[in-house]
C-alpha atoms as a PDB file:
ATOM      1  CA  MET A   1      -6.412  -8.134  63.890  1.00  0.00           C
ATOM      2  CA  SER A   2      -8.542  -7.884  60.748  1.00  0.00           C
ATOM      3  CA  ASN A   3      -7.633  -9.730  57.578  1.00  0.00           C
ATOM      4  CA  PRO A   4      -5.619  -7.682  55.066  1.00  0.00           C
ATOM      5  CA  HIS A   5      -7.275  -6.020  52.094  1.00  0.00           C
ATOM      6  CA  TRP A   6      -6.242  -5.531  48.487  1.00  0.00           C
ATOM      7  CA  ALA A   7      -7.657  -3.637  45.510  1.00  0.00           C
ATOM      8  CA  LEU A   8      -7.332  -3.875  41.730  1.00  0.00           C
ATOM      9  CA  LYS A   9      -5.430  -1.183  39.910  1.00  0.00           C
ATOM     10  CA  ASP A  10      -5.887  -2.152  36.228  1.00  0.00           C
ATOM     11  CA  ILE A  11      -7.109  -4.957  33.980  1.00  0.00           C
ATOM     12  CA  HIS A  12      -6.121  -5.930  30.435  1.00  0.00           C
ATOM     13  CA  GLN A  13      -6.885  -8.718  28.004  1.00  0.00           C
ATOM     14  CA  GLU A  14      -4.941 -10.508  25.285  1.00  0.00           C
ATOM     15  CA  VAL A  15      -6.784 -12.458  22.604  1.00  0.00           C
ATOM     16  CA  THR A  16      -5.426 -15.958  21.990  1.00  0.00           C
ATOM     17  CA  ASP A  17      -6.302 -18.529  19.324  1.00  0.00           C
ATOM     18  CA  THR A  18      -8.779 -20.285  21.614  1.00  0.00           C
ATOM     19  CA  GLY A  19      -9.693 -17.752  24.283  1.00  0.00           C
ATOM     20  CA  TYR A  20      -8.212 -14.935  26.343  1.00  0.00           C
ATOM     21  CA  LYS A  21      -5.359 -14.153  28.647  1.00  0.00           C
ATOM     22  CA  ILE A  22      -6.510 -11.824  31.431  1.00  0.00           C
ATOM     23  CA  LEU A  23      -3.910  -9.676  33.185  1.00  0.00           C
ATOM     24  CA  VAL A  24      -4.703  -7.641  36.296  1.00  0.00           C
ATOM     25  CA  TRP A  25      -2.572  -5.388  38.500  1.00  0.00           C
ATOM     26  CA  SER A  26      -3.185  -4.798  42.205  1.00  0.00           C
ATOM     27  CA  PHE A  27      -2.102  -1.989  44.502  1.00  0.00           C
ATOM     28  CA  GLN A  28      -0.929  -4.502  47.116  1.00  0.00           C
ATOM     29  CA  PRO A  29       0.966  -7.789  46.617  1.00  0.00           C
ATOM     30  CA  CYS A  30      -1.514 -10.665  46.802  1.00  0.00           C
ATOM     31  CA  HIS A  31      -2.339 -14.051  45.318  1.00  0.00           C
ATOM     32  CA  LEU A  32      -5.562 -14.113  43.322  1.00  0.00           C
ATOM     33  CA  TRP A  33      -8.084 -16.475  41.813  1.00  0.00           C
ATOM     34  CA  LEU A  34     -10.445 -15.650  38.970  1.00  0.00           C
ATOM     35  CA  ARG A  35     -13.901 -17.066  39.614  1.00  0.00           C
ATOM     36  CA  TYR A  36     -16.182 -17.305  36.590  1.00  0.00           C
ATOM     37  CA  SER A  37     -19.627 -18.623  35.768  1.00  0.00           C
ATOM     38  CA  LEU A  38     -21.597 -19.110  32.579  1.00  0.00           C
ATOM     39  CA  PHE A  39     -24.717 -17.915  34.377  1.00  0.00           C
ATOM     40  CA  GLU A  40     -25.578 -14.339  35.224  1.00  0.00           C
ATOM     41  CA  PRO A  41     -25.076 -13.762  38.948  1.00  0.00           C
ATOM     42  CA  GLN A  42     -28.234 -13.951  41.016  1.00  0.00           C
ATOM     43  CA  GLU A  43     -29.117 -10.809  42.901  1.00  0.00           C
ATOM     44  CA  HIS A  44     -30.849 -10.652  46.269  1.00  0.00           C
ATOM     45  CA  ILE A  45     -31.265  -8.264  49.184  1.00  0.00           C
ATOM     46  CA  LYS A  46     -29.919  -9.112  52.657  1.00  0.00           C
ATOM     47  CA  PRO A  47     -31.740  -7.465  55.569  1.00  0.00           C
ATOM     48  CA  ARG A  48     -29.660  -5.137  57.696  1.00  0.00           C
ATOM     49  CA  THR A  49     -30.594  -3.937  61.172  1.00  0.00           C
ATOM     50  CA  LEU A  50     -29.580  -0.380  62.007  1.00  0.00           C
ATOM     51  CA  ARG A  51     -30.530   1.093  65.422  1.00  0.00           C
ATOM     52  CA  GLY A  52     -33.238  -1.504  65.814  1.00  0.00           C
ATOM     53  CA  VAL A  53     -34.695  -0.901  62.356  1.00  0.00           C
ATOM     54  CA  SER A  54     -34.541  -3.687  59.737  1.00  0.00           C
ATOM     55  CA  LEU A  55     -33.542  -2.254  56.367  1.00  0.00           C
ATOM     56  CA  LEU A  56     -33.426  -4.020  53.003  1.00  0.00           C
ATOM     57  CA  THR A  57     -30.383  -2.161  51.823  1.00  0.00           C
ATOM     58  CA  ASP A  58     -27.557  -4.707  51.489  1.00  0.00           C
ATOM     59  CA  LYS A  59     -27.421  -6.063  47.945  1.00  0.00           C
ATOM     60  CA  ARG A  60     -25.704  -9.421  47.403  1.00  0.00           C
ATOM     61  CA  PHE A  61     -24.682 -11.266  44.228  1.00  0.00           C
ATOM     62  CA  CYS A  62     -24.366 -15.046  44.102  1.00  0.00           C
ATOM     63  CA  PHE A  63     -22.360 -17.043  41.562  1.00  0.00           C
ATOM     64  CA  VAL A  64     -23.727 -20.491  40.712  1.00  0.00           C
ATOM     65  CA  ALA A  65     -21.893 -23.349  38.943  1.00  0.00           C
ATOM     66  CA  TYR A  66     -18.648 -21.405  39.068  1.00  0.00           C
ATOM     67  CA  HIS A  67     -15.030 -22.302  38.313  1.00  0.00           C
ATOM     68  CA  ASP A  68     -11.895 -20.959  39.997  1.00  0.00           C
ATOM     69  CA  ILE A  69      -8.667 -20.334  38.065  1.00  0.00           C
ATOM     70  CA  GLU A  70      -5.507 -19.576  40.020  1.00  0.00           C
ATOM     71  CA  GLN A  71      -3.068 -16.963  38.792  1.00  0.00           C
ATOM     72  CA  VAL A  72      -0.047 -18.219  36.842  1.00  0.00           C
ATOM     73  CA  GLU A  73       2.476 -16.468  39.086  1.00  0.00           C
ATOM     74  CA  GLY A  74       3.522 -18.009  42.374  1.00  0.00           C
ATOM     75  CA  LEU A  75       3.342 -16.344  45.820  1.00  0.00           C
ATOM     76  CA  ASP A  76       2.035 -12.792  46.234  1.00  0.00           C
ATOM     77  CA  THR A  77       2.488 -10.504  43.243  1.00  0.00           C
ATOM     78  CA  TYR A  78       1.387  -7.173  41.826  1.00  0.00           C
ATOM     79  CA  LEU A  79       0.764  -8.667  38.353  1.00  0.00           C
ATOM     80  CA  HIS A  80      -1.694 -11.546  38.076  1.00  0.00           C
ATOM     81  CA  THR A  81      -2.095 -13.605  34.881  1.00  0.00           C
ATOM     82  CA  PHE A  82      -5.020 -15.909  34.087  1.00  0.00           C
ATOM     83  CA  THR A  83      -5.417 -18.078  30.996  1.00  0.00           C
ATOM     84  CA  LEU A  84      -8.989 -18.813  30.021  1.00  0.00           C
ATOM     85  CA  GLU A  85      -8.820 -21.473  27.332  1.00  0.00           C
ATOM     86  CA  PRO A  86     -10.788 -22.803  25.691  1.00  0.00           C
ATOM     87  CA  TRP A  87     -13.410 -20.068  25.558  1.00  0.00           C
ATOM     88  CA  PRO A  88     -15.887 -20.844  22.751  1.00  0.00           C
ATOM     89  CA  HIS A  89     -17.050 -18.110  20.426  1.00  0.00           C
ATOM     90  CA  CYS A  90     -20.364 -16.456  21.344  1.00  0.00           C
ATOM     91  CA  GLN A  91     -20.070 -17.529  24.990  1.00  0.00           C
ATOM     92  CA  THR A  92     -20.587 -15.012  27.809  1.00  0.00           C
ATOM     93  CA  ARG A  93     -18.854 -15.327  31.175  1.00  0.00           C
ATOM     94  CA  TRP A  94     -19.196 -13.365  34.396  1.00  0.00           C
ATOM     95  CA  PHE A  95     -16.158 -13.255  36.654  1.00  0.00           C
ATOM     96  CA  TYR A  96     -14.540 -11.551  39.622  1.00  0.00           C
ATOM     97  CA  PHE A  97     -11.337 -11.894  41.624  1.00  0.00           C
ATOM     98  CA  HIS A  98     -10.740 -13.065  45.200  1.00  0.00           C
ATOM     99  CA  GLY A  99      -7.559 -14.098  46.944  1.00  0.00           C
ATOM    100  CA  LYS A 100      -5.073 -14.242  49.778  1.00  0.00           C
ATOM    101  CA  MET A 101      -2.450 -11.936  51.248  1.00  0.00           C
ATOM    102  CA  GLY A 102       0.461 -13.512  53.084  1.00  0.00           C
ATOM    103  CA  GLY A 103      -1.283 -16.871  52.953  1.00  0.00           C
ATOM    104  CA  GLU A 104      -4.432 -15.552  54.657  1.00  0.00           C
ATOM    105  CA  TYR A 105      -7.769 -15.266  52.910  1.00  0.00           C
ATOM    106  CA  SER A 106      -8.735 -11.667  52.329  1.00  0.00           C
ATOM    107  CA  PRO A 107     -12.314 -10.380  52.487  1.00  0.00           C
ATOM    108  CA  SER A 108     -11.567  -8.205  49.492  1.00  0.00           C
ATOM    109  CA  THR A 109     -13.153  -8.994  46.130  1.00  0.00           C
ATOM    110  CA  SER A 110     -13.226  -7.126  42.878  1.00  0.00           C
ATOM    111  CA  ALA A 111     -16.173  -5.838  40.922  1.00  0.00           C
ATOM    112  CA  ILE A 112     -18.001  -8.336  38.696  1.00  0.00           C
ATOM    113  CA  PHE A 113     -16.966  -8.290  35.062  1.00  0.00           C
ATOM    114  CA  LYS A 114     -18.998  -9.484  32.078  1.00  0.00           C
ATOM    115  CA  LYS A 115     -17.161 -10.666  28.962  1.00  0.00           C
ATOM    116  CA  HIS A 116     -18.528 -12.058  25.694  1.00  0.00           C
ATOM    117  CA  ARG A 117     -16.241 -13.741  23.165  1.00  0.00           C
ATOM    118  CA  ILE A 118     -17.461 -12.539  19.794  1.00  0.00           C
ATOM    119  CA  GLN A 119     -17.487 -14.576  16.623  1.00  0.00           C
ATOM    120  CA  PRO A 120     -14.639 -13.365  14.381  1.00  0.00           C
ATOM    121  CA  PRO A 121     -15.637 -11.964  10.980  1.00  0.00           C
ATOM    122  CA  ILE A 122     -16.375 -14.637   8.399  1.00  0.00           C
ATOM    123  CA  PRO A 123     -14.723 -13.998   5.030  1.00  0.00           C
ATOM    124  CA  GLN A 124     -16.930 -13.918   1.968  1.00  0.00           C
ATOM    125  CA  GLU A 125     -16.139 -14.542  -1.681  1.00  0.00           C
ATOM    126  CA  ILE A 126     -17.260 -12.708  -4.789  1.00  0.00           C
ATOM    127  CA  THR A 127     -16.687 -13.730  -8.392  1.00  0.00           C
ATOM    128  CA  ILE A 128     -16.599 -10.938 -10.967  1.00  0.00           C
ATOM    129  CA  ILE A 129     -16.732 -11.563 -14.716  1.00  0.00           C
ATOM    130  CA  SER A 130     -14.551  -9.458 -16.975  1.00  0.00           C
ATOM    131  CA  HIS A 131     -16.382  -6.792 -18.958  1.00  0.00           C
ATOM    132  CA  THR A 132     -16.872  -7.236 -22.683  1.00  0.00           C
ATOM    133  CA  ALA A 133     -14.552  -4.271 -23.207  1.00  0.00           C
ATOM    134  CA  ASP A 134     -11.665  -6.701 -22.618  1.00  0.00           C
ATOM    135  CA  GLY A 135      -9.439  -7.728 -25.500  1.00  0.00           C
ATOM    136  CA  ALA A 136      -5.965  -7.408 -27.000  1.00  0.00           C
ATOM    137  CA  ILE A 137      -3.958  -4.846 -28.946  1.00  0.00           C
ATOM    138  CA  ALA A 138      -1.358  -5.991 -31.466  1.00  0.00           C
ATOM    139  CA  THR A 139       1.391  -4.825 -33.801  1.00  0.00           C
ATOM    140  CA  TYR A 140       2.277  -6.796 -36.949  1.00  0.00           C
ATOM    141  CA  PHE A 141       4.932  -7.275 -39.617  1.00  0.00           C
ATOM    142  CA  LYS A 142       7.709  -5.215 -38.030  1.00  0.00           C
ATOM    143  CA  ASN A 143      11.224  -5.881 -39.285  1.00  0.00           C
ATOM    144  CA  SER A 144      12.657  -4.556 -35.994  1.00  0.00           C
ATOM    145  CA  TYR A 145      11.838  -5.933 -32.559  1.00  0.00           C
ATOM    146  CA  ALA A 146      12.482  -2.533 -30.990  1.00  0.00           C
ATOM    147  CA  LEU A 147       9.977  -0.975 -33.351  1.00  0.00           C
ATOM    148  CA  ALA A 148       7.331  -3.583 -32.581  1.00  0.00           C
ATOM    149  CA  HIS A 149       7.960  -3.484 -28.846  1.00  0.00           C
ATOM    150  CA  ASP A 150       8.246   0.264 -28.325  1.00  0.00           C
ATOM    151  CA  GLN A 151       5.434   1.586 -30.504  1.00  0.00           C
ATOM    152  CA  VAL A 152       3.237   4.126 -28.779  1.00  0.00           C
ATOM    153  CA  LEU A 153       0.222   3.122 -30.862  1.00  0.00           C
ATOM    154  CA  GLY A 154      -0.885  -0.403 -31.523  1.00  0.00           C
ATOM    155  CA  GLU A 155      -2.167  -1.346 -34.942  1.00  0.00           C
ATOM    156  CA  ARG A 156      -5.227  -3.414 -34.208  1.00  0.00           C
ATOM    157  CA  ILE A 157      -7.695  -3.797 -31.359  1.00  0.00           C
ATOM    158  CA  ASP A 158      -9.365  -7.165 -30.907  1.00  0.00           C
ATOM    159  CA  ASN A 159     -12.156  -6.671 -28.396  1.00  0.00           C
ATOM    160  CA  THR A 160     -15.150  -8.319 -30.033  1.00  0.00           C
ATOM    161  CA  THR A 161     -13.871 -11.882 -30.391  1.00  0.00           C
ATOM    162  CA  THR A 162     -13.997 -14.754 -27.924  1.00  0.00           C
ATOM    163  CA  THR A 163     -10.198 -14.965 -27.553  1.00  0.00           C
ATOM    164  CA  ALA A 164      -7.254 -12.625 -26.984  1.00  0.00           C
ATOM    165  CA  GLU A 165      -3.537 -13.203 -27.534  1.00  0.00           C
ATOM    166  CA  VAL A 166      -0.689 -12.387 -25.171  1.00  0.00           C
ATOM    167  CA  GLY A 167       2.971 -12.574 -26.147  1.00  0.00           C
ATOM    168  CA  GLN A 168       5.266 -12.203 -29.115  1.00  0.00           C
ATOM    169  CA  THR A 169       6.626 -14.141 -32.055  1.00  0.00           C
ATOM    170  CA  VAL A 170       8.922 -13.805 -35.028  1.00  0.00           C
ATOM    171  CA  SER A 171       8.318 -15.343 -38.431  1.00  0.00           C
ATOM    172  CA  GLY A 172      10.217 -14.648 -41.634  1.00  0.00           C
ATOM    173  CA  GLY A 173      12.150 -11.876 -39.912  1.00  0.00           C
ATOM    174  CA  ARG A 174       8.919 -10.091 -38.971  1.00  0.00           C
ATOM    175  CA  TYR A 175       7.928  -9.417 -35.355  1.00  0.00           C
ATOM    176  CA  TYR A 176       4.424  -9.614 -33.872  1.00  0.00           C
ATOM    177  CA  LEU A 177       3.395  -8.544 -30.335  1.00  0.00           C
ATOM    178  CA  TRP A 178       0.130  -8.824 -28.387  1.00  0.00           C
ATOM    179  CA  ARG A 179      -0.860  -7.351 -25.043  1.00  0.00           C
ATOM    180  CA  SER A 180      -4.262  -8.129 -23.535  1.00  0.00           C
ATOM    181  CA  PHE A 181      -6.434  -6.216 -21.096  1.00  0.00           C
ATOM    182  CA  LEU A 182      -9.150  -7.121 -18.580  1.00  0.00           C
ATOM    183  CA  PHE A 183     -11.789  -4.991 -16.852  1.00  0.00           C
ATOM    184  CA  PHE A 184     -13.627  -5.909 -13.649  1.00  0.00           C
ATOM    185  CA  ASP A 185     -16.340  -3.919 -11.906  1.00  0.00           C
ATOM    186  CA  THR A 186     -15.142  -4.166  -8.300  1.00  0.00           C
ATOM    187  CA  SER A 187     -17.407  -1.442  -6.885  1.00  0.00           C
ATOM    188  CA  PRO A 188     -19.434  -4.066  -4.907  1.00  0.00           C
ATOM    189  CA  LEU A 189     -16.349  -4.282  -2.644  1.00  0.00           C
ATOM    190  CA  ALA A 190     -16.764  -0.705  -1.391  1.00  0.00           C
ATOM    191  CA  GLY A 191     -15.671  -0.503   2.236  1.00  0.00           C
ATOM    192  CA  ALA A 192     -14.549  -4.136   2.346  1.00  0.00           C
ATOM    193  CA  THR A 193     -11.213  -5.479   3.594  1.00  0.00           C
ATOM    194  CA  ILE A 194      -9.659  -7.669   0.914  1.00  0.00           C
ATOM    195  CA  GLU A 195      -8.018 -10.844   2.161  1.00  0.00           C
ATOM    196  CA  SER A 196      -6.928 -12.467  -1.117  1.00  0.00           C
ATOM    197  CA  ALA A 197      -7.786 -12.653  -4.803  1.00  0.00           C
ATOM    198  CA  TYR A 198      -6.935 -14.589  -7.916  1.00  0.00           C
ATOM    199  CA  LEU A 199      -7.487 -14.281 -11.643  1.00  0.00           C
ATOM    200  CA  LYS A 200      -8.990 -17.281 -13.403  1.00  0.00           C
ATOM    201  CA  LEU A 201      -8.541 -17.755 -17.140  1.00  0.00           C
ATOM    202  CA  ARG A 202      -9.141 -20.534 -19.592  1.00  0.00           C
ATOM    203  CA  ASN A 203      -6.363 -20.843 -22.095  1.00  0.00           C
ATOM    204  CA  GLN A 204      -7.475 -21.820 -25.574  1.00  0.00           C
ATOM    205  CA  HIS A 205      -3.995 -22.733 -26.697  1.00  0.00           C
ATOM    206  CA  LYS A 206      -0.377 -22.073 -25.839  1.00  0.00           C
ATOM    207  CA  PHE A 207       2.317 -21.540 -28.424  1.00  0.00           C
ATOM    208  CA  ALA A 208       5.905 -21.692 -27.301  1.00  0.00           C
ATOM    209  CA  GLY A 209       9.227 -22.146 -28.897  1.00  0.00           C
ATOM    210  CA  PRO A 210      12.279 -21.961 -26.689  1.00  0.00           C
ATOM    211  CA  PRO A 211      12.601 -20.283 -24.267  1.00  0.00           C
ATOM    212  CA  SER A 212       9.319 -20.836 -22.397  1.00  0.00           C
ATOM    213  CA  HIS A 213       7.557 -17.809 -20.923  1.00  0.00           C
ATOM    214  CA  ASP A 214       5.457 -16.676 -17.941  1.00  0.00           C
ATOM    215  CA  LEU A 215       2.323 -14.548 -17.892  1.00  0.00           C
ATOM    216  CA  ILE A 216       2.559 -11.332 -15.830  1.00  0.00           C
ATOM    217  CA  ILE A 217      -0.165  -9.025 -14.531  1.00  0.00           C
ATOM    218  CA  GLN A 218       0.658  -5.312 -14.682  1.00  0.00           C
ATOM    219  CA  SER A 219      -1.274  -2.140 -13.953  1.00  0.00           C
ATOM    220  CA  GLY A 220      -1.563   1.265 -15.553  1.00  0.00           C
ATOM    221  CA  MET A 221      -4.364   2.506 -13.332  1.00  0.00           C
ATOM    222  CA  PRO A 222      -6.038   4.848 -13.110  1.00  0.00           C
ATOM    223  CA  SER A 223      -5.498   6.130 -16.646  1.00  0.00           C
ATOM    224  CA  ALA A 224      -4.688   3.001 -18.648  1.00  0.00           C
ATOM    225  CA  PRO A 225      -6.069   0.999 -20.249  1.00  0.00           C
ATOM    226  CA  HIS A 226      -9.067   2.920 -21.470  1.00  0.00           C
ATOM    227  CA  LYS A 227     -12.540   1.413 -21.484  1.00  0.00           C
ATOM    228  CA  PRO A 228     -13.201   0.893 -24.367  1.00  0.00           C
ATOM    229  CA  LEU A 229      -9.676   0.188 -25.567  1.00  0.00           C
ATOM    230  CA  VAL A 230      -7.829   2.694 -27.712  1.00  0.00           C
ATOM    231  CA  LEU A 231      -4.660   2.143 -29.756  1.00  0.00           C
ATOM    232  CA  GLN A 232      -2.619   4.194 -27.242  1.00  0.00           C
ATOM    233  CA  ASP A 233      -3.251   1.495 -24.621  1.00  0.00           C
ATOM    234  CA  TYR A 234      -0.646  -0.637 -26.388  1.00  0.00           C
ATOM    235  CA  ASP A 235       2.222   1.554 -25.089  1.00  0.00           C
ATOM    236  CA  TYR A 236       4.094  -0.544 -22.493  1.00  0.00           C
ATOM    237  CA  ARG A 237       5.423   2.580 -20.729  1.00  0.00           C
ATOM    238  CA  GLN A 238       2.005   3.030 -19.127  1.00  0.00           C
ATOM    239  CA  TYR A 239       2.224  -0.279 -17.258  1.00  0.00           C
ATOM    240  CA  SER A 240       4.447  -1.354 -14.407  1.00  0.00           C
ATOM    241  CA  GLY A 241       4.762  -3.616 -11.409  1.00  0.00           C
ATOM    242  CA  GLU A 242       3.989  -7.286 -11.041  1.00  0.00           C
ATOM    243  CA  GLY A 243       0.660  -8.040  -9.433  1.00  0.00           C
ATOM    244  CA  GLY A 244       0.858 -11.762 -10.111  1.00  0.00           C
ATOM    245  CA  ARG A 245       2.663 -14.275 -12.309  1.00  0.00           C
ATOM    246  CA  LEU A 246       1.650 -17.529 -13.946  1.00  0.00           C
ATOM    247  CA  LEU A 247       4.682 -19.751 -14.357  1.00  0.00           C
ATOM    248  CA  TRP A 248       5.171 -21.596 -17.605  1.00  0.00           C
ATOM    249  CA  ALA A 249       5.029 -24.906 -15.735  1.00  0.00           C
ATOM    250  CA  ASP A 250       1.465 -24.034 -14.648  1.00  0.00           C
ATOM    251  CA  TYR A 251       0.218 -23.175 -18.132  1.00  0.00           C
ATOM    252  CA  SER A 252      -2.635 -25.290 -19.432  1.00  0.00           C
ATOM    253  CA  SER A 253      -3.419 -25.722 -23.084  1.00  0.00           C
ATOM    254  CA  GLY A 254      -7.196 -25.626 -23.253  1.00  0.00           C
ATOM    255  CA  GLY A 255      -7.647 -25.800 -19.480  1.00  0.00           C
ATOM    256  CA  PRO A 256      -8.239 -23.423 -16.562  1.00  0.00           C
ATOM    257  CA  MET A 257      -5.389 -21.319 -15.155  1.00  0.00           C
ATOM    258  CA  THR A 258      -5.303 -19.311 -11.931  1.00  0.00           C
ATOM    259  CA  ILE A 259      -2.978 -16.450 -11.041  1.00  0.00           C
ATOM    260  CA  ASP A 260      -2.848 -15.461  -7.384  1.00  0.00           C
ATOM    261  CA  LEU A 261      -2.608 -11.724  -6.826  1.00  0.00           C
ATOM    262  CA  ASN A 262       0.326 -10.854  -4.610  1.00  0.00           C
ATOM    263  CA  ALA A 263       0.400  -8.009  -2.081  1.00  0.00           C
ATOM    264  CA  THR A 264       1.027  -5.502  -4.866  1.00  0.00           C
ATOM    265  CA  GLY A 265      -1.764  -6.873  -7.016  1.00  0.00           C
ATOM    266  CA  LEU A 266      -4.252  -6.670  -4.174  1.00  0.00           C
ATOM    267  CA  THR A 267      -3.623  -2.938  -3.874  1.00  0.00           C
ATOM    268  CA  TRP A 268      -4.689  -2.547  -7.513  1.00  0.00           C
ATOM    269  CA  ILE A 269      -8.238  -3.646  -6.788  1.00  0.00           C
ATOM    270  CA  ASP A 270     -10.341  -0.497  -6.943  1.00  0.00           C
ATOM    271  CA  LYS A 271     -13.094  -1.004  -4.384  1.00  0.00           C
ATOM    272  CA  ASP A 272     -14.986   2.031  -5.675  1.00  0.00           C
ATOM    273  CA  GLY A 273     -14.839   1.442  -9.422  1.00  0.00           C
ATOM    274  CA  TRP A 274     -13.124  -0.554 -12.165  1.00  0.00           C
ATOM    275  CA  THR A 275     -10.074  -2.750 -11.694  1.00  0.00           C
ATOM    276  CA  LYS A 276      -8.018  -2.923 -14.888  1.00  0.00           C
ATOM    277  CA  PHE A 277      -5.222  -5.365 -15.675  1.00  0.00           C
ATOM    278  CA  CYS A 278      -2.683  -5.523 -18.470  1.00  0.00           C
ATOM    279  CA  LEU A 279      -1.462  -9.049 -19.264  1.00  0.00           C
ATOM    280  CA  ARG A 280       2.018  -9.303 -20.748  1.00  0.00           C
ATOM    281  CA  GLU A 281       4.346 -12.147 -21.598  1.00  0.00           C
ATOM    282  CA  SER A 282       7.513 -12.197 -19.466  1.00  0.00           C
ATOM    283  CA  HIS A 283       9.927 -11.722 -22.379  1.00  0.00           C
ATOM    284  CA  ASP A 284       7.894  -8.735 -23.518  1.00  0.00           C
ATOM    285  CA  VAL A 285       8.289  -7.259 -20.008  1.00  0.00           C
ATOM    286  CA  ALA A 286      12.034  -8.013 -20.105  1.00  0.00           C
ATOM    287  CA  ARG A 287      12.289  -6.609 -23.659  1.00  0.00           C
ATOM    288  CA  GLN A 288      13.764  -9.874 -24.847  1.00  0.00           C
ATOM    289  CA  PRO A 289      13.161 -10.650 -28.565  1.00  0.00           C
ATOM    290  CA  PRO A 290      11.400 -13.909 -29.379  1.00  0.00           C
ATOM    291  CA  VAL A 291      13.145 -16.706 -31.256  1.00  0.00           C
ATOM    292  CA  GLY A 292       9.944 -18.440 -32.297  1.00  0.00           C
ATOM    293  CA  PHE A 293       6.329 -18.717 -31.218  1.00  0.00           C
ATOM    294  CA  ASP A 294       6.146 -17.271 -27.720  1.00  0.00           C
ATOM    295  CA  TYR A 295       2.517 -16.428 -27.012  1.00  0.00           C
ATOM    296  CA  ASP A 296      -0.768 -17.887 -25.848  1.00  0.00           C
ATOM    297  CA  ARG A 297      -4.463 -17.315 -26.455  1.00  0.00           C
ATOM    298  CA  HIS A 298      -7.029 -17.067 -23.657  1.00  0.00           C
ATOM    299  CA  TYR A 299     -10.789 -16.683 -23.742  1.00  0.00           C
ATOM    300  CA  THR A 300     -12.475 -13.308 -23.196  1.00  0.00           C
ATOM    301  CA  ALA A 301     -15.792 -12.079 -21.783  1.00  0.00           C
ATOM    302  CA  GLU A 302     -17.443 -12.805 -25.149  1.00  0.00           C
ATOM    303  CA  ALA A 303     -16.770 -16.530 -24.685  1.00  0.00           C
ATOM    304  CA  PRO A 304     -19.375 -18.915 -23.208  1.00  0.00           C
ATOM    305  CA  PRO A 305     -19.360 -19.082 -19.391  1.00  0.00           C
ATOM    306  CA  TRP A 306     -17.751 -21.728 -17.222  1.00  0.00           C
ATOM    307  CA  PRO A 307     -17.654 -24.705 -17.161  1.00  0.00           C
ATOM    308  CA  GLY A 308     -18.294 -24.997 -20.902  1.00  0.00           C
ATOM    309  CA  VAL A 309     -15.513 -22.620 -21.901  1.00  0.00           C
ATOM    310  CA  GLY A 310     -14.736 -19.845 -19.472  1.00  0.00           C
ATOM    311  CA  GLN A 311     -14.754 -16.070 -19.275  1.00  0.00           C
ATOM    312  CA  PRO A 312     -12.002 -14.303 -17.319  1.00  0.00           C
ATOM    313  CA  LEU A 313     -12.919 -14.162 -13.637  1.00  0.00           C
ATOM    314  CA  LEU A 314     -11.610 -12.188 -10.680  1.00  0.00           C
ATOM    315  CA  VAL A 315     -12.335 -14.104  -7.488  1.00  0.00           C
ATOM    316  CA  VAL A 316     -11.936 -12.027  -4.317  1.00  0.00           C
ATOM    317  CA  THR A 317     -12.074 -13.152  -0.693  1.00  0.00           C
ATOM    318  CA  TYR A 318     -12.979 -10.248   1.584  1.00  0.00           C
ATOM    319  CA  PHE A 319     -14.418  -9.180   4.922  1.00  0.00           C
ATOM    320  CA  PRO A 320     -17.552  -7.000   4.638  1.00  0.00           C
ATOM    321  CA  PRO A 321     -17.424  -3.485   6.081  1.00  0.00           C
END
């Protein structure tokens, strides 16, 4: 009686942290081993005699320096699982399957498979300096907080100086508000997959009377703010969301500050054009009147570069297309 035979029905792979899990299905229940080698199988021809004539027609493949891995499942099964770990990146392996049926070795073998574990994409980082169109828009000397906060038009654009204010204050019964704006040319990211990003600022000085405040990134894209700034860009109704927040405890007076963009903020990065941010103080966003000095002053694109002072930077980690 001849030894029993089996045949493969399907094969799948699962990627693990350090290699692969190979799953195969057979038409018949059997117990399999995966035999692999790091060397390409050697090929040779075995002579075959047919009706007294010697023919070089039987092709044979030989594995050298091979390793056998037994399936995870016990006994004979239809599903056969093999764990190949570790499997270094950029390593190629050739493998096939052989096995037993009912405890007897079977002459059946599978086809030879070739598998290369590719190197995963390596993230890259780009640092983009804010455009000199950045700056702040302010309202001054309002005897009503609602009037100062809700104005459609700002009263002054500061986009040629080395600093910009963000926040609000009250002095002598008069209210003052500032909202600042940043512009980044993110078109070099066309086609890329963005992994993370953060905004880096250098604060010139922080002013705060109780209560302390946070700095919030908002967006009015695609229409607002304009580049260059116009007085209508002051209108808070154009901006919404929270793309990132700098907590008061993380403020630095005269030092660097970083604001991580959250999942919402990452979607605001325009990979085909300009990414535009509106920076607002948290009480301004909450429409909460100030009780004292509640603003800060950060450097703009007109300031000297890092590390001497520090222009606003958008630092993006991404995978190239």
